[in-house]
Amino acid sequence: MLTNLFRLISPRLTFALIFIFCASSIGYAFYSQIYNGAQPCPLCIAQRIIYGFLGLFSLIALINNCKGFGNRIYGILLLAIALFGVKTAYHHVWLQSLPPDQWPASCGMPLDILFKKIPLSGFINTILSGTAECAMVSWKVFGFSGPLVSMWGYVLVAVGAFYVLIHRKPKQNLY
């Protein structure tokens, strides 16, 4: 029974589901920011960008409709980005688990000013390492912190990308 279910789920459907999931995740993040007043920290913005790349590449894979080797290339790309997302979200969750006296120091500058003041490599390093803003749990989804839900979302996308990698075309019966 389970093998019949896997035969029905094509890589193209998987790419479509990943795109819908990423688009809805970004949409919910913007909804929370605009209507609930949840201001994103640098790591939250980085996670939105990662979801954006996942959604973009899954949409390209969906439109491209590759077979075989092409699907594997898209699967590897999505898996790598999703695992980077897991790492980023896990770091965010770890920062939120620290006691306040161990929070990283805040640079105190908004991101647009920070981007203008330091080189790009330092800017990216600052964003991905997190600030004191990142250590505060400012909003929750179903009682869980946003980064924790985001981390499990990346795991779900990674499972979908792995499925694309291992998917085999079902053999056709000739009779």
Protein backbone atom coordinates (compact mmCIF):
# COMPACT_ATOMS: atom_id res chain seq x y z
CA MET A 1 0.00 0.00 0.00
CA LEU A 2 2.77 2.43 0.89
CA THR A 3 4.60 1.70 -2.36
CA ASN A 4 1.43 2.57 -4.29
CA LEU A 5 1.28 5.89 -2.47
CA PHE A 6 4.90 6.65 -3.38
CA ARG A 7 4.15 5.87 -7.01
CA LEU A 8 1.42 8.50 -7.04
CA ILE A 9 3.72 11.23 -5.70
CA SER A 10 5.87 12.38 -8.58
CA PRO A 11 8.89 14.67 -8.24
CA ARG A 12 6.89 17.40 -9.99
CA LEU A 13 4.15 17.16 -7.35
CA THR A 14 6.83 17.24 -4.66
CA PHE A 15 8.31 20.43 -6.14
CA ALA A 16 4.83 21.96 -6.24
CA LEU A 17 4.20 21.09 -2.59
CA ILE A 18 7.58 22.52 -1.57
CA PHE A 19 6.81 25.75 -3.45
CA ILE A 20 3.36 26.06 -1.84
CA PHE A 21 4.83 25.38 1.61
CA CYS A 22 7.61 27.96 1.18
CA ALA A 23 5.26 30.61 -0.22
CA SER A 24 2.79 30.09 2.63
CA SER A 25 5.61 30.21 5.22
CA ILE A 26 6.85 33.52 3.87
CA GLY A 27 3.28 34.78 3.63
CA TYR A 28 2.61 33.89 7.26
CA ALA A 29 5.83 35.58 8.35
CA PHE A 30 4.79 38.80 6.60
CA TYR A 31 1.27 38.48 8.04
CA SER A 32 2.73 38.15 11.54
CA GLN A 33 4.95 41.15 10.96
CA ILE A 34 2.29 43.43 9.50
CA TYR A 35 -0.84 42.47 11.47
CA ASN A 36 0.56 40.99 14.69
CA GLY A 37 3.49 43.40 15.08
CA ALA A 38 6.18 40.70 15.24
CA GLN A 39 9.36 42.49 14.20
CA PRO A 40 11.88 40.12 12.58
CA CYS A 41 15.42 39.85 13.89
CA PRO A 42 18.41 39.31 11.54
CA LEU A 43 18.18 35.50 11.79
CA CYS A 44 14.44 35.64 11.03
CA ILE A 45 15.18 37.65 7.91
CA ALA A 46 17.89 35.16 6.92
CA GLN A 47 15.40 32.31 7.33
CA ARG A 48 12.89 34.14 5.14
CA ILE A 49 15.56 34.52 2.46
CA ILE A 50 16.36 30.81 2.68
CA TYR A 51 12.66 29.95 2.31
CA GLY A 52 12.59 32.32 -0.67
CA PHE A 53 15.46 30.49 -2.36
CA LEU A 54 13.82 27.12 -1.66
CA GLY A 55 10.56 28.35 -3.14
CA LEU A 56 12.28 29.89 -6.16
CA PHE A 57 14.27 26.77 -7.03
CA SER A 58 11.30 24.48 -6.48
CA LEU A 59 9.20 26.71 -8.77
CA ILE A 60 11.94 26.59 -11.42
CA ALA A 61 12.07 22.80 -11.07
CA LEU A 62 8.28 22.62 -11.33
CA ILE A 63 8.19 24.72 -14.49
CA ASN A 64 11.25 23.02 -16.00
CA ASN A 65 9.71 19.55 -15.50
CA CYS A 66 12.99 17.66 -15.83
CA LYS A 67 13.20 13.92 -15.81
CA GLY A 68 15.79 11.70 -14.14
CA PHE A 69 19.12 13.49 -13.84
CA GLY A 70 17.61 16.99 -13.86
CA ASN A 71 15.35 16.11 -10.93
CA ARG A 72 18.35 14.83 -9.02
CA ILE A 73 20.21 18.10 -9.59
CA TYR A 74 17.23 20.08 -8.27
CA GLY A 75 16.86 17.61 -5.40
CA ILE A 76 20.50 18.03 -4.38
CA LEU A 77 20.22 21.82 -4.61
CA LEU A 78 17.03 21.91 -2.53
CA LEU A 79 18.46 19.45 0.00
CA ALA A 80 21.61 21.55 0.45
CA ILE A 81 19.64 24.78 0.91
CA ALA A 82 17.18 23.08 3.30
CA LEU A 83 20.02 21.67 5.42
CA PHE A 84 21.57 25.15 5.58
CA GLY A 85 18.16 26.38 6.72
CA VAL A 86 18.05 23.70 9.43
CA LYS A 87 21.49 24.83 10.62
CA THR A 88 20.44 28.49 10.67
CA ALA A 89 17.15 27.81 12.46
CA TYR A 90 18.87 25.48 14.96
CA HIS A 91 21.36 28.22 15.77
CA HIS A 92 18.42 30.58 16.32
CA VAL A 93 16.71 28.07 18.64
CA TRP A 94 19.99 27.61 20.51
CA LEU A 95 20.33 31.38 20.96
CA GLN A 96 16.80 31.49 22.37
CA SER A 97 17.63 28.77 24.88
CA LEU A 98 20.50 30.78 26.41
CA PRO A 99 19.98 32.69 29.65
CA PRO A 100 19.89 36.50 29.18
CA ASP A 101 23.39 37.00 30.61
CA GLN A 102 24.85 34.84 27.80
CA TRP A 103 23.06 36.53 24.91
CA PRO A 104 25.35 37.88 22.18
CA ALA A 105 26.06 41.59 22.19
CA SER A 106 23.84 43.65 19.95
CA CYS A 107 25.42 45.91 17.39
CA GLY A 108 22.61 48.35 18.00
CA MET A 109 22.36 49.38 14.34
CA PRO A 110 19.45 48.64 12.05
CA LEU A 111 20.27 46.24 9.21
CA ASP A 112 20.15 48.84 6.44
CA ILE A 113 22.73 51.04 8.23
CA LEU A 114 24.85 48.00 9.12
CA PHE A 115 24.83 46.95 5.46
CA LYS A 116 26.20 50.35 4.43
CA LYS A 117 28.87 50.51 7.17
CA ILE A 118 30.62 47.12 6.93
CA PRO A 119 31.76 44.88 4.05
CA LEU A 120 29.39 42.25 2.68
CA SER A 121 31.24 39.30 4.25
CA GLY A 122 31.09 40.92 7.68
CA PHE A 123 27.43 41.78 7.17
CA ILE A 124 26.53 38.17 6.31
CA ASN A 125 28.58 36.88 9.26
CA THR A 126 26.82 39.30 11.62
CA ILE A 127 23.38 38.26 10.39
CA LEU A 128 24.08 34.52 10.58
CA SER A 129 25.71 34.67 14.01
CA GLY A 130 22.74 36.50 15.51
CA THR A 131 22.33 39.40 17.88
CA ALA A 132 20.60 39.96 21.22
CA GLU A 133 17.36 40.53 19.31
CA CYS A 134 17.58 36.96 18.01
CA ALA A 135 17.73 35.51 21.53
CA MET A 136 14.33 36.89 22.53
CA VAL A 137 11.23 34.83 21.78
CA SER A 138 9.07 37.56 20.32
CA TRP A 139 6.37 35.48 18.62
CA LYS A 140 5.01 31.95 18.66
CA VAL A 141 3.24 29.62 16.24
CA PHE A 142 0.88 27.14 17.94
CA GLY A 143 2.76 27.69 21.21
CA PHE A 144 6.21 27.02 19.72
CA SER A 145 8.81 29.64 18.93
CA GLY A 146 8.93 30.77 15.30
CA PRO A 147 12.49 29.51 14.71
CA LEU A 148 11.59 26.06 16.05
CA VAL A 149 8.64 25.80 13.67
CA SER A 150 10.86 27.11 10.89
CA MET A 151 13.50 24.46 11.65
CA TRP A 152 10.94 21.67 11.37
CA GLY A 153 9.70 23.24 8.14
CA TYR A 154 13.22 23.00 6.73
CA VAL A 155 13.37 19.37 7.83
CA LEU A 156 10.11 18.74 5.97
CA VAL A 157 11.50 20.36 2.81
CA ALA A 158 14.70 18.32 3.18
CA VAL A 159 12.61 15.13 3.36
CA GLY A 160 10.80 16.18 0.18
CA ALA A 161 14.11 16.90 -1.57
CA PHE A 162 15.48 13.55 -0.44
CA TYR A 163 12.36 11.86 -1.80
CA VAL A 164 13.02 13.47 -5.18
CA LEU A 165 16.55 12.04 -5.05
CA ILE A 166 15.44 8.47 -4.35
CA HIS A 167 12.29 8.47 -6.49
CA ARG A 168 12.29 5.88 -9.25
CA LYS A 169 9.94 5.85 -12.16
CA PRO A 170 7.51 2.92 -11.80
CA LYS A 171 7.92 0.13 -14.32
CA GLN A 172 5.10 -0.21 -16.81
CA ASN A 173 3.36 -3.54 -17.19
CA LEU A 174 3.23 -4.64 -20.80
CA TYR A 175 0.19 -6.88 -20.39
